[in-house]
Amino acid sequence: MWDIVFQRAEDQLFAPTVLDDVMFGPLNMGMNIEALKAVGAEGLVNKMPNYLSGGQKRLVSMAGVLAMKPKIMALDEPTSDLDPNHAEIIEKIILELKNKYGISVVIATHDLDLAAQIADRICIVKSGSIIAEGTPSEIFYNSELLEEAGLKKPKIVQIYDEFCKSRGLDRKNRPVTVEELAKCFTCG
């Protein structure tokens, strides 16, 4: 079973309260309300979705999908139009969905920094066709591919490239996350 979280949460939320919205599917399938806790939105239970912030709406939309206990969750631009704090919350939730709940997460995004932090595999799509697939380090260190696709390298890759260039070093490592970059700087 798979479900999708829309880019515009307003297109997904329809019930009069957050609880009614998140519980719509589970009540019809006999499931419980733990999804709100999983995304940190349990305090929104009696709120009206129309009065939530964009980040709160995104959390509630994710909870509504998570409540259905999907094996695969698809997210369309999950951090678009969010402030940095809510974007970070969404990133952490996506990682938790993968690591704690074992849910496969498919994300459509132009945010390569987000993709670098959370993705195991990257597919580059251009004109409706996949033009490349690989690990984040394979994709994000392929300058020609990114240029062909009209994409900019993630910030971590840009920093590492500039660091190596300024010191005349080979790019033997290929960090794509903050943690991997920090290891490169501490190990030489």
C-alpha atoms as a PDB file:
ATOM      1  CA  MET A   1       0.000   0.000   0.000  1.00  0.00           C
ATOM      2  CA  TRP A   2       1.288   3.476  -0.825  1.00  0.00           C
ATOM      3  CA  ASP A   3      -0.012   6.990  -0.278  1.00  0.00           C
ATOM      4  CA  ILE A   4       1.003  10.480  -1.343  1.00  0.00           C
ATOM      5  CA  VAL A   5       1.401  13.773   0.510  1.00  0.00           C
ATOM      6  CA  PHE A   6       0.542  16.656  -1.818  1.00  0.00           C
ATOM      7  CA  GLN A   7       2.837  19.644  -2.285  1.00  0.00           C
ATOM      8  CA  ARG A   8       0.019  22.000  -1.296  1.00  0.00           C
ATOM      9  CA  ALA A   9      -1.381  20.703   1.973  1.00  0.00           C
ATOM     10  CA  GLU A  10      -4.543  22.755   1.359  1.00  0.00           C
ATOM     11  CA  ASP A  11      -5.369  20.384  -1.498  1.00  0.00           C
ATOM     12  CA  GLN A  12      -5.310  17.429   0.872  1.00  0.00           C
ATOM     13  CA  LEU A  13      -7.000  18.670   4.045  1.00  0.00           C
ATOM     14  CA  PHE A  14     -10.804  18.658   3.950  1.00  0.00           C
ATOM     15  CA  ALA A  15     -12.329  17.889   7.372  1.00  0.00           C
ATOM     16  CA  PRO A  16     -13.479  20.460   9.948  1.00  0.00           C
ATOM     17  CA  THR A  17     -10.779  19.580  12.526  1.00  0.00           C
ATOM     18  CA  VAL A  18      -7.292  18.090  12.427  1.00  0.00           C
ATOM     19  CA  LEU A  19      -8.495  14.987  14.277  1.00  0.00           C
ATOM     20  CA  ASP A  20     -11.346  14.445  11.819  1.00  0.00           C
ATOM     21  CA  ASP A  21      -8.957  14.837   8.890  1.00  0.00           C
ATOM     22  CA  VAL A  22      -6.222  12.518  10.176  1.00  0.00           C
ATOM     23  CA  MET A  23      -8.709   9.900  11.367  1.00  0.00           C
ATOM     24  CA  PHE A  24     -10.843   9.809   8.206  1.00  0.00           C
ATOM     25  CA  GLY A  25      -9.011   6.881   6.627  1.00  0.00           C
ATOM     26  CA  PRO A  26      -8.075   5.013   9.821  1.00  0.00           C
ATOM     27  CA  LEU A  27     -11.612   5.153  11.203  1.00  0.00           C
ATOM     28  CA  ASN A  28     -12.832   3.590   8.002  1.00  0.00           C
ATOM     29  CA  MET A  29     -10.179   0.874   8.407  1.00  0.00           C
ATOM     30  CA  GLY A  30     -10.265   0.479  12.195  1.00  0.00           C
ATOM     31  CA  MET A  31      -6.848   2.044  12.899  1.00  0.00           C
ATOM     32  CA  ASN A  32      -5.768   4.427  15.691  1.00  0.00           C
ATOM     33  CA  ILE A  33      -4.411   7.988  16.035  1.00  0.00           C
ATOM     34  CA  GLU A  34      -0.689   7.395  16.670  1.00  0.00           C
ATOM     35  CA  ALA A  35       0.232   9.169  13.424  1.00  0.00           C
ATOM     36  CA  LEU A  36      -0.246  12.619  14.949  1.00  0.00           C
ATOM     37  CA  LYS A  37       2.267  11.735  17.658  1.00  0.00           C
ATOM     38  CA  ALA A  38       4.734  10.446  15.067  1.00  0.00           C
ATOM     39  CA  VAL A  39       4.872  13.861  13.397  1.00  0.00           C
ATOM     40  CA  GLY A  40       4.675  15.887  16.617  1.00  0.00           C
ATOM     41  CA  ALA A  41       1.231  17.299  15.845  1.00  0.00           C
ATOM     42  CA  GLU A  42      -0.817  15.807  18.681  1.00  0.00           C
ATOM     43  CA  GLY A  43      -1.396  19.312  20.080  1.00  0.00           C
ATOM     44  CA  LEU A  44      -3.344  20.253  16.952  1.00  0.00           C
ATOM     45  CA  VAL A  45      -6.135  17.688  17.389  1.00  0.00           C
ATOM     46  CA  ASN A  46      -9.007  20.137  17.872  1.00  0.00           C
ATOM     47  CA  LYS A  47      -7.709  22.871  15.570  1.00  0.00           C
ATOM     48  CA  MET A  48      -9.358  23.773  12.294  1.00  0.00           C
ATOM     49  CA  PRO A  49      -6.999  23.031   9.363  1.00  0.00           C
ATOM     50  CA  ASN A  50      -7.743  26.397   7.713  1.00  0.00           C
ATOM     51  CA  TYR A  51      -6.166  28.185  10.680  1.00  0.00           C
ATOM     52  CA  LEU A  52      -2.931  26.198  10.775  1.00  0.00           C
ATOM     53  CA  SER A  53       0.397  27.508   9.515  1.00  0.00           C
ATOM     54  CA  GLY A  54       1.830  26.051   6.319  1.00  0.00           C
ATOM     55  CA  GLY A  55       4.227  23.869   8.319  1.00  0.00           C
ATOM     56  CA  GLN A  56       1.462  22.620  10.584  1.00  0.00           C
ATOM     57  CA  LYS A  57      -0.697  21.795   7.569  1.00  0.00           C
ATOM     58  CA  ARG A  58       2.192  19.817   6.075  1.00  0.00           C
ATOM     59  CA  LEU A  59       2.574  17.852   9.331  1.00  0.00           C
ATOM     60  CA  VAL A  60      -1.149  17.095   9.473  1.00  0.00           C
ATOM     61  CA  SER A  61      -1.145  15.999   5.821  1.00  0.00           C
ATOM     62  CA  MET A  62       1.740  13.645   6.562  1.00  0.00           C
ATOM     63  CA  ALA A  63      -0.041  12.341   9.672  1.00  0.00           C
ATOM     64  CA  GLY A  64      -3.173  11.628   7.619  1.00  0.00           C
ATOM     65  CA  VAL A  65      -1.138   9.508   5.215  1.00  0.00           C
ATOM     66  CA  LEU A  66       0.958   7.908   7.965  1.00  0.00           C
ATOM     67  CA  ALA A  67      -2.244   6.933   9.824  1.00  0.00           C
ATOM     68  CA  MET A  68      -3.002   4.574   6.941  1.00  0.00           C
ATOM     69  CA  LYS A  69       0.248   2.701   7.713  1.00  0.00           C
ATOM     70  CA  PRO A  70       1.596   2.762   4.166  1.00  0.00           C
ATOM     71  CA  LYS A  71       4.635   0.769   3.102  1.00  0.00           C
ATOM     72  CA  ILE A  72       5.541   3.506   0.627  1.00  0.00           C
ATOM     73  CA  MET A  73       4.907   7.231   1.041  1.00  0.00           C
ATOM     74  CA  ALA A  74       5.326   9.659  -1.838  1.00  0.00           C
ATOM     75  CA  LEU A  75       5.962  13.324  -1.030  1.00  0.00           C
ATOM     76  CA  ASP A  76       5.725  16.116  -3.573  1.00  0.00           C
ATOM     77  CA  GLU A  77       8.121  18.966  -2.670  1.00  0.00           C
ATOM     78  CA  PRO A  78       7.769  18.288   1.081  1.00  0.00           C
ATOM     79  CA  THR A  79       9.664  21.385   2.225  1.00  0.00           C
ATOM     80  CA  SER A  80       8.551  23.927  -0.379  1.00  0.00           C
ATOM     81  CA  ASP A  81       7.228  27.198   1.049  1.00  0.00           C
ATOM     82  CA  LEU A  82       8.240  26.240   4.597  1.00  0.00           C
ATOM     83  CA  ASP A  83      10.350  28.275   6.978  1.00  0.00           C
ATOM     84  CA  PRO A  84      13.729  26.692   7.868  1.00  0.00           C
ATOM     85  CA  ASN A  85      12.450  25.354  11.213  1.00  0.00           C
ATOM     86  CA  HIS A  86       9.493  23.493   9.706  1.00  0.00           C
ATOM     87  CA  ALA A  87      11.650  22.295   6.790  1.00  0.00           C
ATOM     88  CA  GLU A  88      14.070  20.779   9.312  1.00  0.00           C
ATOM     89  CA  ILE A  89      11.176  19.134  11.184  1.00  0.00           C
ATOM     90  CA  ILE A  90       9.902  17.607   7.932  1.00  0.00           C
ATOM     91  CA  GLU A  91      13.420  16.363   7.094  1.00  0.00           C
ATOM     92  CA  LYS A  92      13.713  14.668  10.499  1.00  0.00           C
ATOM     93  CA  ILE A  93      10.277  13.095  10.124  1.00  0.00           C
ATOM     94  CA  ILE A  94      11.168  11.716   6.692  1.00  0.00           C
ATOM     95  CA  LEU A  95      14.336  10.157   8.119  1.00  0.00           C
ATOM     96  CA  GLU A  96      12.313   8.700  10.992  1.00  0.00           C
ATOM     97  CA  LEU A  97       9.738   7.255   8.586  1.00  0.00           C
ATOM     98  CA  LYS A  98      12.568   5.463   6.804  1.00  0.00           C
ATOM     99  CA  ASN A  99      14.662   4.429   9.776  1.00  0.00           C
ATOM    100  CA  LYS A 100      12.142   3.822  12.574  1.00  0.00           C
ATOM    101  CA  TYR A 101       8.994   2.770  10.720  1.00  0.00           C
ATOM    102  CA  GLY A 102      10.630   1.106   7.688  1.00  0.00           C
ATOM    103  CA  ILE A 103       8.517   3.107   5.247  1.00  0.00           C
ATOM    104  CA  SER A 104       9.977   3.616   1.803  1.00  0.00           C
ATOM    105  CA  VAL A 105       9.829   7.320   1.003  1.00  0.00           C
ATOM    106  CA  VAL A 106       9.776   8.650  -2.557  1.00  0.00           C
ATOM    107  CA  ILE A 107      10.269  12.387  -2.908  1.00  0.00           C
ATOM    108  CA  ALA A 108       9.847  14.667  -5.897  1.00  0.00           C
ATOM    109  CA  THR A 109      11.932  17.773  -5.203  1.00  0.00           C
ATOM    110  CA  HIS A 110      14.081  20.503  -6.668  1.00  0.00           C
ATOM    111  CA  ASP A 111      15.765  20.894  -3.261  1.00  0.00           C
ATOM    112  CA  LEU A 112      19.023  19.035  -3.850  1.00  0.00           C
ATOM    113  CA  ASP A 113      20.268  19.940  -0.363  1.00  0.00           C
ATOM    114  CA  LEU A 114      17.300  18.048   1.105  1.00  0.00           C
ATOM    115  CA  ALA A 115      17.840  15.156  -1.302  1.00  0.00           C
ATOM    116  CA  ALA A 116      21.527  14.965  -0.366  1.00  0.00           C
ATOM    117  CA  GLN A 117      20.673  14.766   3.344  1.00  0.00           C
ATOM    118  CA  ILE A 118      18.010  12.048   3.153  1.00  0.00           C
ATOM    119  CA  ALA A 119      18.138  10.082  -0.107  1.00  0.00           C
ATOM    120  CA  ASP A 120      19.627   6.639  -0.671  1.00  0.00           C
ATOM    121  CA  ARG A 121      19.009   6.801  -4.433  1.00  0.00           C
ATOM    122  CA  ILE A 122      18.587   9.749  -6.780  1.00  0.00           C
ATOM    123  CA  CYS A 123      16.773   9.835 -10.117  1.00  0.00           C
ATOM    124  CA  ILE A 124      17.216  12.919 -12.275  1.00  0.00           C
ATOM    125  CA  VAL A 125      14.189  13.639 -14.438  1.00  0.00           C
ATOM    126  CA  LYS A 126      14.272  15.923 -17.459  1.00  0.00           C
ATOM    127  CA  SER A 127      11.422  16.442 -19.898  1.00  0.00           C
ATOM    128  CA  GLY A 128       9.456  13.639 -18.268  1.00  0.00           C
ATOM    129  CA  SER A 129      12.205  11.017 -18.599  1.00  0.00           C
ATOM    130  CA  ILE A 130      14.760   9.676 -16.137  1.00  0.00           C
ATOM    131  CA  ILE A 131      18.158  10.695 -17.488  1.00  0.00           C
ATOM    132  CA  ALA A 132      20.251   9.356 -14.603  1.00  0.00           C
ATOM    133  CA  GLU A 133      19.989   7.225 -11.504  1.00  0.00           C
ATOM    134  CA  GLY A 134      22.491   6.479  -8.794  1.00  0.00           C
ATOM    135  CA  THR A 135      23.662   7.150  -5.283  1.00  0.00           C
ATOM    136  CA  PRO A 136      23.723  10.760  -4.110  1.00  0.00           C
ATOM    137  CA  SER A 137      27.518  10.889  -4.387  1.00  0.00           C
ATOM    138  CA  GLU A 138      27.441   9.454  -7.935  1.00  0.00           C
ATOM    139  CA  ILE A 139      24.830  11.960  -9.080  1.00  0.00           C
ATOM    140  CA  PHE A 140      25.871  15.092  -7.185  1.00  0.00           C
ATOM    141  CA  TYR A 141      29.553  14.843  -8.156  1.00  0.00           C
ATOM    142  CA  ASN A 142      28.691  14.541 -11.850  1.00  0.00           C
ATOM    143  CA  SER A 143      28.964  18.202 -12.894  1.00  0.00           C
ATOM    144  CA  GLU A 144      28.092  17.559 -16.539  1.00  0.00           C
ATOM    145  CA  LEU A 145      24.910  15.680 -15.626  1.00  0.00           C
ATOM    146  CA  LEU A 146      23.739  18.374 -13.229  1.00  0.00           C
ATOM    147  CA  GLU A 147      24.451  21.069 -15.807  1.00  0.00           C
ATOM    148  CA  GLU A 148      22.541  19.126 -18.475  1.00  0.00           C
ATOM    149  CA  ALA A 149      19.595  18.818 -16.087  1.00  0.00           C
ATOM    150  CA  GLY A 150      19.746  22.505 -15.180  1.00  0.00           C
ATOM    151  CA  LEU A 151      20.507  21.779 -11.522  1.00  0.00           C
ATOM    152  CA  LYS A 152      23.014  23.234  -9.078  1.00  0.00           C
ATOM    153  CA  LYS A 153      25.165  21.068  -6.846  1.00  0.00           C
ATOM    154  CA  PRO A 154      24.021  20.750  -3.241  1.00  0.00           C
ATOM    155  CA  LYS A 155      25.769  23.185  -0.866  1.00  0.00           C
ATOM    156  CA  ILE A 156      27.813  20.411   0.776  1.00  0.00           C
ATOM    157  CA  VAL A 157      29.208  19.386  -2.616  1.00  0.00           C
ATOM    158  CA  GLN A 158      29.947  23.020  -3.519  1.00  0.00           C
ATOM    159  CA  ILE A 159      31.811  23.554  -0.236  1.00  0.00           C
ATOM    160  CA  TYR A 160      33.828  20.351  -0.605  1.00  0.00           C
ATOM    161  CA  ASP A 161      34.701  21.133  -4.240  1.00  0.00           C
ATOM    162  CA  GLU A 162      35.852  24.647  -3.300  1.00  0.00           C
ATOM    163  CA  PHE A 163      37.837  23.338  -0.319  1.00  0.00           C
ATOM    164  CA  CYS A 164      39.664  20.771  -2.488  1.00  0.00           C
ATOM    165  CA  LYS A 165      40.240  23.291  -5.286  1.00  0.00           C
ATOM    166  CA  SER A 166      41.637  25.956  -2.927  1.00  0.00           C
ATOM    167  CA  ARG A 167      44.128  23.476  -1.458  1.00  0.00           C
ATOM    168  CA  GLY A 168      44.992  21.616  -4.668  1.00  0.00           C
ATOM    169  CA  LEU A 169      43.517  18.361  -3.310  1.00  0.00           C
ATOM    170  CA  ASP A 170      41.939  15.510  -5.227  1.00  0.00           C
ATOM    171  CA  ARG A 171      38.257  14.909  -4.531  1.00  0.00           C
ATOM    172  CA  LYS A 172      38.904  11.424  -3.153  1.00  0.00           C
ATOM    173  CA  ASN A 173      35.927  11.632  -0.814  1.00  0.00           C
ATOM    174  CA  ARG A 174      32.450  12.500  -2.000  1.00  0.00           C
ATOM    175  CA  PRO A 175      30.541  13.868   0.985  1.00  0.00           C
ATOM    176  CA  VAL A 176      26.873  14.739   0.486  1.00  0.00           C
ATOM    177  CA  THR A 177      25.738  15.172   4.100  1.00  0.00           C
ATOM    178  CA  VAL A 178      26.935  17.533   6.811  1.00  0.00           C
ATOM    179  CA  GLU A 179      28.220  14.558   8.814  1.00  0.00           C
ATOM    180  CA  GLU A 180      30.224  13.206   5.869  1.00  0.00           C
ATOM    181  CA  LEU A 181      31.699  16.644   5.186  1.00  0.00           C
ATOM    182  CA  ALA A 182      32.740  17.055   8.818  1.00  0.00           C
ATOM    183  CA  LYS A 183      34.568  13.707   8.675  1.00  0.00           C
ATOM    184  CA  CYS A 184      36.479  14.884   5.594  1.00  0.00           C
ATOM    185  CA  PHE A 185      37.675  18.005   7.402  1.00  0.00           C
ATOM    186  CA  THR A 186      38.695  16.132  10.560  1.00  0.00           C
ATOM    187  CA  CYS A 187      40.467  13.316   8.723  1.00  0.00           C
ATOM    188  CA  GLY A 188      42.403  15.489   6.310  1.00  0.00           C
END
